[in-house]
C-alpha atoms as a PDB file:
ATOM      1  CA  MET A   1     113.419  53.411  63.227  1.00  0.00           C
ATOM      2  CA  THR A   2     110.049  53.394  65.005  1.00  0.00           C
ATOM      3  CA  ASP A   3     107.785  56.114  66.228  1.00  0.00           C
ATOM      4  CA  ALA A   4     106.962  54.282  69.436  1.00  0.00           C
ATOM      5  CA  LEU A   5     107.103  56.284  72.652  1.00  0.00           C
ATOM      6  CA  PRO A   6     109.342  55.102  75.453  1.00  0.00           C
ATOM      7  CA  PRO A   7     107.465  53.044  78.067  1.00  0.00           C
ATOM      8  CA  ASP A   8     107.749  55.853  80.640  1.00  0.00           C
ATOM      9  CA  ALA A   9     106.304  58.522  78.313  1.00  0.00           C
ATOM     10  CA  PRO A  10     102.912  59.906  79.447  1.00  0.00           C
ATOM     11  CA  GLN A  11      99.971  58.542  77.502  1.00  0.00           C
ATOM     12  CA  THR A  12      97.765  61.237  76.012  1.00  0.00           C
ATOM     13  CA  GLN A  13      94.379  60.846  74.423  1.00  0.00           C
ATOM     14  CA  PRO A  14      93.853  62.468  71.077  1.00  0.00           C
ATOM     15  CA  THR A  15      92.206  65.830  71.586  1.00  0.00           C
ATOM     16  CA  MET A  16      89.565  67.422  69.463  1.00  0.00           C
ATOM     17  CA  ARG A  17      90.749  70.442  67.558  1.00  0.00           C
ATOM     18  CA  LEU A  18      89.597  73.703  69.085  1.00  0.00           C
ATOM     19  CA  SER A  19      87.955  74.814  65.850  1.00  0.00           C
ATOM     20  CA  LEU A  20      85.871  71.629  65.714  1.00  0.00           C
ATOM     21  CA  ARG A  21      84.824  72.110  69.346  1.00  0.00           C
ATOM     22  CA  ILE A  22      83.751  75.676  68.585  1.00  0.00           C
ATOM     23  CA  VAL A  23      81.748  74.545  65.547  1.00  0.00           C
ATOM     24  CA  LEU A  24      80.020  71.793  67.546  1.00  0.00           C
ATOM     25  CA  ILE A  25      79.192  74.143  70.401  1.00  0.00           C
ATOM     26  CA  ALA A  26      77.920  76.832  68.029  1.00  0.00           C
ATOM     27  CA  SER A  27      75.813  74.291  66.162  1.00  0.00           C
ATOM     28  CA  LEU A  28      74.259  72.917  69.330  1.00  0.00           C
ATOM     29  CA  THR A  29      73.635  76.404  70.664  1.00  0.00           C
ATOM     30  CA  LEU A  30      71.891  77.441  67.456  1.00  0.00           C
ATOM     31  CA  ASN A  31      69.841  74.241  67.332  1.00  0.00           C
ATOM     32  CA  LEU A  32      68.790  74.578  70.963  1.00  0.00           C
ATOM     33  CA  ALA A  33      67.906  78.231  70.397  1.00  0.00           C
ATOM     34  CA  VAL A  34      65.689  77.318  67.439  1.00  0.00           C
ATOM     35  CA  VAL A  35      64.007  74.506  69.359  1.00  0.00           C
ATOM     36  CA  GLY A  36      63.566  76.833  72.334  1.00  0.00           C
ATOM     37  CA  LEU A  37      62.049  79.549  70.156  1.00  0.00           C
ATOM     38  CA  ILE A  38      59.663  77.115  68.532  1.00  0.00           C
ATOM     39  CA  GLY A  39      58.657  75.531  71.819  1.00  0.00           C
ATOM     40  CA  GLY A  40      58.327  78.860  73.600  1.00  0.00           C
ATOM     41  CA  ALA A  41      56.371  80.332  70.738  1.00  0.00           C
ATOM     42  CA  LEU A  42      54.020  77.381  70.618  1.00  0.00           C
ATOM     43  CA  MET A  43      53.360  77.531  74.338  1.00  0.00           C
ATOM     44  CA  SER A  44      53.067  81.314  74.644  1.00  0.00           C
ATOM     45  CA  GLY A  45      49.405  81.438  73.734  1.00  0.00           C
ATOM     46  CA  ARG A  46      49.820  84.469  71.529  1.00  0.00           C
ATOM     47  CA  ASP A  47      48.108  84.445  68.188  1.00  0.00           C
ATOM     48  CA  GLN A  48      49.882  87.233  66.365  1.00  0.00           C
ATOM     49  CA  PRO A  49      51.746  85.873  63.363  1.00  0.00           C
ATOM     50  CA  GLY A  50      55.260  86.942  62.578  1.00  0.00           C
ATOM     51  CA  ARG A  51      56.291  87.511  66.182  1.00  0.00           C
ATOM     52  CA  LEU A  52      58.508  85.271  68.231  1.00  0.00           C
ATOM     53  CA  GLY A  53      55.619  84.823  70.646  1.00  0.00           C
ATOM     54  CA  GLY A  54      53.347  83.503  67.889  1.00  0.00           C
ATOM     55  CA  PHE A  55      53.507  79.885  66.914  1.00  0.00           C
ATOM     56  CA  ASP A  56      54.419  80.553  63.292  1.00  0.00           C
ATOM     57  CA  VAL A  57      58.158  80.448  63.980  1.00  0.00           C
ATOM     58  CA  ASN A  58      57.984  76.895  62.645  1.00  0.00           C
ATOM     59  CA  LEU A  59      55.164  77.144  60.093  1.00  0.00           C
ATOM     60  CA  GLY A  60      56.129  80.489  58.543  1.00  0.00           C
ATOM     61  CA  PRO A  61      53.831  81.612  55.733  1.00  0.00           C
ATOM     62  CA  PHE A  62      51.326  78.844  56.521  1.00  0.00           C
ATOM     63  CA  ALA A  63      50.706  80.289  59.977  1.00  0.00           C
ATOM     64  CA  ARG A  64      50.552  83.854  58.687  1.00  0.00           C
ATOM     65  CA  ALA A  65      47.948  82.775  56.134  1.00  0.00           C
ATOM     66  CA  LEU A  66      45.705  81.200  58.781  1.00  0.00           C
ATOM     67  CA  SER A  67      42.889  83.190  60.322  1.00  0.00           C
ATOM     68  CA  PRO A  68      43.462  84.366  63.909  1.00  0.00           C
ATOM     69  CA  GLU A  69      40.881  81.803  65.067  1.00  0.00           C
ATOM     70  CA  ASP A  70      42.719  78.974  63.311  1.00  0.00           C
ATOM     71  CA  ARG A  71      46.051  80.101  64.771  1.00  0.00           C
ATOM     72  CA  ARG A  72      44.560  80.162  68.291  1.00  0.00           C
ATOM     73  CA  ALA A  73      42.973  76.738  67.826  1.00  0.00           C
ATOM     74  CA  ILE A  74      46.192  75.194  66.511  1.00  0.00           C
ATOM     75  CA  GLY A  75      48.187  76.762  69.332  1.00  0.00           C
ATOM     76  CA  MET A  76      45.771  75.328  71.904  1.00  0.00           C
ATOM     77  CA  GLU A  77      45.894  71.886  70.304  1.00  0.00           C
ATOM     78  CA  LEU A  78      49.679  71.910  70.340  1.00  0.00           C
ATOM     79  CA  ARG A  79      49.895  73.151  73.936  1.00  0.00           C
ATOM     80  CA  ASN A  80      47.686  70.249  74.997  1.00  0.00           C
ATOM     81  CA  ARG A  81      50.015  67.671  73.438  1.00  0.00           C
ATOM     82  CA  PRO A  82      52.432  65.940  75.822  1.00  0.00           C
ATOM     83  CA  ASP A  83      55.391  66.682  73.536  1.00  0.00           C
ATOM     84  CA  PHE A  84      54.858  70.450  74.070  1.00  0.00           C
ATOM     85  CA  GLY A  85      53.651  70.570  77.684  1.00  0.00           C
ATOM     86  CA  PRO A  86      55.475  71.063  80.983  1.00  0.00           C
ATOM     87  CA  SER A  87      57.121  67.613  80.909  1.00  0.00           C
ATOM     88  CA  ALA A  88      58.664  68.515  77.536  1.00  0.00           C
ATOM     89  CA  ARG A  89      60.141  71.691  79.083  1.00  0.00           C
ATOM     90  CA  VAL A  90      61.623  69.626  81.919  1.00  0.00           C
ATOM     91  CA  SER A  91      63.063  67.202  79.360  1.00  0.00           C
ATOM     92  CA  ARG A  92      64.600  70.052  77.333  1.00  0.00           C
ATOM     93  CA  ARG A  93      66.142  71.510  80.499  1.00  0.00           C
ATOM     94  CA  ALA A  94      67.600  68.126  81.432  1.00  0.00           C
ATOM     95  CA  ALA A  95      69.097  67.862  77.932  1.00  0.00           C
ATOM     96  CA  LEU A  96      70.696  71.302  78.315  1.00  0.00           C
ATOM     97  CA  ASP A  97      72.101  70.335  81.706  1.00  0.00           C
ATOM     98  CA  GLY A  98      73.529  67.147  80.179  1.00  0.00           C
ATOM     99  CA  PHE A  99      75.105  69.168  77.389  1.00  0.00           C
ATOM    100  CA  LEU A 100      76.716  71.542  79.883  1.00  0.00           C
ATOM    101  CA  THR A 101      78.078  68.579  81.820  1.00  0.00           C
ATOM    102  CA  ALA A 102      79.507  67.122  78.604  1.00  0.00           C
ATOM    103  CA  LEU A 103      81.128  70.465  77.729  1.00  0.00           C
ATOM    104  CA  GLU A 104      82.806  70.694  81.112  1.00  0.00           C
ATOM    105  CA  ALA A 105      84.016  67.095  81.097  1.00  0.00           C
ATOM    106  CA  ASP A 106      87.709  66.435  80.850  1.00  0.00           C
ATOM    107  CA  PRO A 107      88.428  64.598  78.708  1.00  0.00           C
ATOM    108  CA  PHE A 108      85.759  65.868  76.338  1.00  0.00           C
ATOM    109  CA  ASP A 109      83.707  63.083  74.749  1.00  0.00           C
ATOM    110  CA  PRO A 110      82.466  64.133  71.301  1.00  0.00           C
ATOM    111  CA  ASP A 111      80.455  60.920  70.975  1.00  0.00           C
ATOM    112  CA  SER A 112      78.259  61.869  73.935  1.00  0.00           C
ATOM    113  CA  VAL A 113      77.606  65.277  72.380  1.00  0.00           C
ATOM    114  CA  ARG A 114      76.876  63.625  69.034  1.00  0.00           C
ATOM    115  CA  ALA A 115      74.295  61.425  70.790  1.00  0.00           C
ATOM    116  CA  MET A 116      72.755  64.549  72.331  1.00  0.00           C
ATOM    117  CA  PHE A 117      72.554  66.113  68.857  1.00  0.00           C
ATOM    118  CA  ASP A 118      70.749  62.988  67.634  1.00  0.00           C
ATOM    119  CA  VAL A 119      68.190  63.229  70.450  1.00  0.00           C
ATOM    120  CA  GLN A 120      67.735  66.948  69.795  1.00  0.00           C
ATOM    121  CA  ARG A 121      67.203  66.390  66.077  1.00  0.00           C
ATOM    122  CA  ASP A 122      64.660  63.643  66.773  1.00  0.00           C
ATOM    123  CA  ARG A 123      62.800  65.919  69.204  1.00  0.00           C
ATOM    124  CA  ALA A 124      62.728  68.752  66.641  1.00  0.00           C
ATOM    125  CA  LEU A 125      61.435  66.385  63.950  1.00  0.00           C
ATOM    126  CA  ARG A 126      58.697  65.145  66.277  1.00  0.00           C
ATOM    127  CA  GLY A 127      57.738  68.755  66.999  1.00  0.00           C
ATOM    128  CA  MET A 128      57.609  69.609  63.332  1.00  0.00           C
ATOM    129  CA  GLY A 129      55.544  66.492  62.673  1.00  0.00           C
ATOM    130  CA  ALA A 130      53.120  67.436  65.456  1.00  0.00           C
ATOM    131  CA  GLY A 131      52.730  70.916  63.980  1.00  0.00           C
ATOM    132  CA  GLN A 132      52.038  69.484  60.563  1.00  0.00           C
ATOM    133  CA  GLU A 133      49.499  66.974  61.945  1.00  0.00           C
ATOM    134  CA  VAL A 134      47.568  69.671  63.797  1.00  0.00           C
ATOM    135  CA  LEU A 135      47.681  72.013  60.795  1.00  0.00           C
ATOM    136  CA  LEU A 136      46.430  69.270  58.476  1.00  0.00           C
ATOM    137  CA  ALA A 137      43.638  68.354  60.883  1.00  0.00           C
ATOM    138  CA  ARG A 138      42.586  72.016  60.943  1.00  0.00           C
ATOM    139  CA  ILE A 139      42.657  72.235  57.137  1.00  0.00           C
ATOM    140  CA  VAL A 140      40.563  69.054  56.870  1.00  0.00           C
ATOM    141  CA  ARG A 141      37.892  70.668  59.073  1.00  0.00           C
ATOM    142  CA  MET A 142      37.767  73.793  56.856  1.00  0.00           C
ATOM    143  CA  THR A 143      34.954  74.232  54.409  1.00  0.00           C
ATOM    144  CA  THR A 144      35.785  74.494  50.729  1.00  0.00           C
ATOM    145  CA  ALA A 145      35.322  78.267  50.947  1.00  0.00           C
ATOM    146  CA  LYS A 146      37.604  78.550  54.025  1.00  0.00           C
ATOM    147  CA  ARG A 147      40.276  76.425  52.329  1.00  0.00           C
ATOM    148  CA  ALA A 148      40.073  78.694  49.266  1.00  0.00           C
ATOM    149  CA  GLU A 149      40.482  81.765  51.515  1.00  0.00           C
ATOM    150  CA  PHE A 150      43.438  80.107  53.229  1.00  0.00           C
ATOM    151  CA  ALA A 151      44.978  79.237  49.851  1.00  0.00           C
ATOM    152  CA  ALA A 152      44.527  82.832  48.648  1.00  0.00           C
ATOM    153  CA  ARG A 153      46.166  84.228  51.810  1.00  0.00           C
ATOM    154  CA  LEU A 154      48.977  81.673  51.514  1.00  0.00           C
ATOM    155  CA  ARG A 155      49.532  82.637  47.879  1.00  0.00           C
ATOM    156  CA  THR A 156      49.768  86.297  48.955  1.00  0.00           C
ATOM    157  CA  GLU A 157      52.209  85.379  51.750  1.00  0.00           C
ATOM    158  CA  LEU A 158      54.390  83.441  49.332  1.00  0.00           C
ATOM    159  CA  ASP A 159      54.298  86.221  46.707  1.00  0.00           C
ATOM    160  CA  ASP A 160      55.107  88.853  49.356  1.00  0.00           C
ATOM    161  CA  GLY A 161      57.904  86.658  50.645  1.00  0.00           C
ATOM    162  CA  HIS A 162      59.604  86.694  47.258  1.00  0.00           C
ATOM    163  CA  GLN A 163      59.577  90.481  47.320  1.00  0.00           C
ATOM    164  CA  ARG A 164      61.154  90.710  50.781  1.00  0.00           C
END
């Protein structure tokens, strides 16, 4: 006895389980929201830590421990980088449009969405790396006294964070 279908039976492609589709969509949505928040915060020009408009969405207690002048300077440096400028916004929009197209495709191709996730992850890692480079460059330019002040504020931020 075989499980073969008769030759005239309609051929169907295996479908992705609905729960897996929902998880993938939710994951991408969350990832894109985080990347959007980080990018929007970095490009907003605001220097108030702890707000979504401030750039510390990605650097957390490090950004809150910086002086307002250092936060402004880092924000300006990041806004002037090509990976955070207008072309990056256009690229992110194109990626979102591609994702929407992939979601609406029938049949759904999970491999194309997986590839989009890979690109998104790489973009987020590059953004994090850029933030770290600019922060390090700013720290290098600090005097010993300014670095000590920064370290003291960071220690306070970290201690306060444990109490929250």
